[in-house]
Amino acid sequence: MINKKIILEFTPEEVKLLAYGAIPNDLKARFKEIAYYLDGREKIKKITLEEIKKSNPKAYDSWTDEEDKKLKSVFLRGCRIKDLANQFQRSTGAIRCRLFRLGLIDEDYPELENRNN
């Protein structure tokens, strides 16, 4: 049974987001903490943005029009997502998300794609 105190920590706006399936990253992190709490596990270590940017310096930065054009061009020439992540200093997940938003891949695009290069 879920602890009522945990549920009451959500704002009405957050509950609406949950109801419609649009869960922002900060809520996903809170859900992980709740899941660990309910499972009797230790809380997961919170990773700071500074720590994330050590491996992906442009993490969470907005994409510029110039970056979008370059990403599209390089991707269409056959560059692998892993290599794009290194080039654009972002995670592979961020690259996949941006390619999806640009209409260049669909949700079923293979995680480990076999492409030239």
Protein backbone atom coordinates (compact mmCIF):
# COMPACT_ATOMS: atom_id res chain seq x y z
CA MET A 1 0.00 0.00 0.00
CA ILE A 2 1.30 3.44 -0.93
CA ASN A 3 2.15 5.86 1.83
CA LYS A 4 -0.41 8.73 1.73
CA LYS A 5 2.24 11.22 2.78
CA ILE A 6 4.17 10.50 -0.43
CA ILE A 7 1.08 11.03 -2.59
CA LEU A 8 0.26 14.33 -0.91
CA GLU A 9 3.68 15.70 -1.88
CA PHE A 10 2.50 16.06 -5.50
CA THR A 11 0.99 19.34 -6.63
CA PRO A 12 -2.30 19.38 -8.60
CA GLU A 13 -0.30 20.37 -11.71
CA GLU A 14 2.00 17.37 -11.28
CA VAL A 15 -0.99 15.05 -10.88
CA LYS A 16 -2.44 16.38 -14.17
CA LEU A 17 0.88 15.74 -15.91
CA LEU A 18 0.89 12.20 -14.56
CA ALA A 19 -2.69 11.61 -15.63
CA TYR A 20 -1.95 12.59 -19.22
CA GLY A 21 1.36 10.75 -19.49
CA ALA A 22 3.60 13.81 -19.86
CA ILE A 23 6.10 13.13 -17.12
CA PRO A 24 9.02 15.59 -16.92
CA ASN A 25 12.44 14.33 -15.86
CA ASP A 26 12.24 15.84 -12.37
CA LEU A 27 9.04 13.87 -11.70
CA LYS A 28 10.61 10.68 -13.06
CA ALA A 29 13.40 11.13 -10.53
CA ARG A 30 10.85 11.56 -7.73
CA PHE A 31 9.07 8.39 -8.83
CA LYS A 32 12.35 6.48 -8.70
CA GLU A 33 12.85 7.69 -5.16
CA ILE A 34 9.31 6.64 -4.24
CA ALA A 35 9.81 3.22 -5.82
CA TYR A 36 13.01 2.69 -3.85
CA TYR A 37 11.27 3.85 -0.68
CA LEU A 38 8.38 1.47 -1.23
CA ASP A 39 10.76 -1.39 -1.98
CA GLY A 40 12.62 -0.70 1.26
CA ARG A 41 15.81 0.13 -0.62
CA GLU A 42 18.13 3.04 0.00
CA LYS A 43 17.37 6.22 -1.87
CA ILE A 44 19.26 6.48 -5.11
CA LYS A 45 22.10 8.93 -5.31
CA LYS A 46 21.04 12.20 -6.89
CA ILE A 47 23.30 13.17 -9.75
CA THR A 48 23.94 16.87 -10.17
CA LEU A 49 23.88 18.68 -13.49
CA GLU A 50 27.56 19.45 -12.96
CA GLU A 51 28.33 15.71 -12.79
CA ILE A 52 26.28 15.02 -15.94
CA LYS A 53 28.03 17.81 -17.85
CA LYS A 54 31.41 16.22 -17.13
CA SER A 55 30.62 13.51 -19.67
CA ASN A 56 28.10 15.46 -21.80
CA PRO A 57 29.03 19.18 -21.65
CA LYS A 58 25.97 20.31 -23.63
CA ALA A 59 23.50 18.19 -21.63
CA TYR A 60 20.17 19.98 -21.11
CA ASP A 61 21.26 22.97 -23.21
CA SER A 62 18.74 24.12 -25.79
CA TRP A 63 19.39 23.10 -29.38
CA THR A 64 20.14 25.91 -31.82
CA ASP A 65 18.86 26.01 -35.40
CA GLU A 66 22.46 25.67 -36.55
CA GLU A 67 22.95 22.52 -34.44
CA ASP A 68 19.71 21.05 -35.81
CA LYS A 69 20.85 21.63 -39.40
CA LYS A 70 24.27 20.14 -38.71
CA LEU A 71 22.77 17.16 -36.85
CA LYS A 72 20.41 16.43 -39.73
CA SER A 73 23.17 16.75 -42.33
CA VAL A 74 25.66 14.54 -40.49
CA PHE A 75 23.02 11.93 -39.60
CA LEU A 76 21.80 11.70 -43.20
CA ARG A 77 25.39 11.11 -44.32
CA GLY A 78 25.39 7.95 -42.21
CA CYS A 79 27.01 8.96 -38.93
CA ARG A 80 26.15 6.67 -36.00
CA ILE A 81 24.23 8.00 -33.01
CA LYS A 82 27.14 7.14 -30.72
CA ASP A 83 29.45 9.28 -32.86
CA LEU A 84 26.88 12.09 -33.06
CA ALA A 85 26.69 12.09 -29.26
CA ASN A 86 30.45 12.59 -29.04
CA GLN A 87 30.44 15.28 -31.72
CA PHE A 88 27.54 17.25 -30.20
CA GLN A 89 28.67 16.64 -26.59
CA ARG A 90 25.29 15.16 -25.62
CA SER A 91 24.05 11.72 -24.58
CA THR A 92 22.94 9.14 -27.12
CA GLY A 93 19.45 9.50 -25.64
CA ALA A 94 19.48 13.25 -26.32
CA ILE A 95 20.58 12.63 -29.91
CA ARG A 96 17.87 10.00 -30.46
CA CYS A 97 15.25 12.33 -28.98
CA ARG A 98 16.34 15.22 -31.20
CA LEU A 99 16.41 13.04 -34.33
CA PHE A 100 12.90 11.87 -33.46
CA ARG A 101 11.68 15.45 -32.99
CA LEU A 102 13.23 16.41 -36.32
CA GLY A 103 11.32 13.56 -37.96
CA LEU A 104 14.48 11.68 -38.94
CA ILE A 105 13.83 8.49 -36.95
CA ASP A 106 10.81 6.82 -35.39
CA GLU A 107 10.41 5.28 -31.93
CA ASP A 108 11.44 1.88 -33.26
CA TYR A 109 14.82 3.04 -34.56
CA PRO A 110 17.31 0.40 -33.35
CA GLU A 111 19.44 1.29 -30.35
CA LEU A 112 22.51 -0.23 -31.95
CA GLU A 113 22.14 0.79 -35.56
CA ASN A 114 24.31 -0.68 -38.27
CA ARG A 115 25.28 2.32 -40.31
CA ASN A 116 28.25 3.33 -42.36
CA ASN A 117 31.19 5.04 -40.64
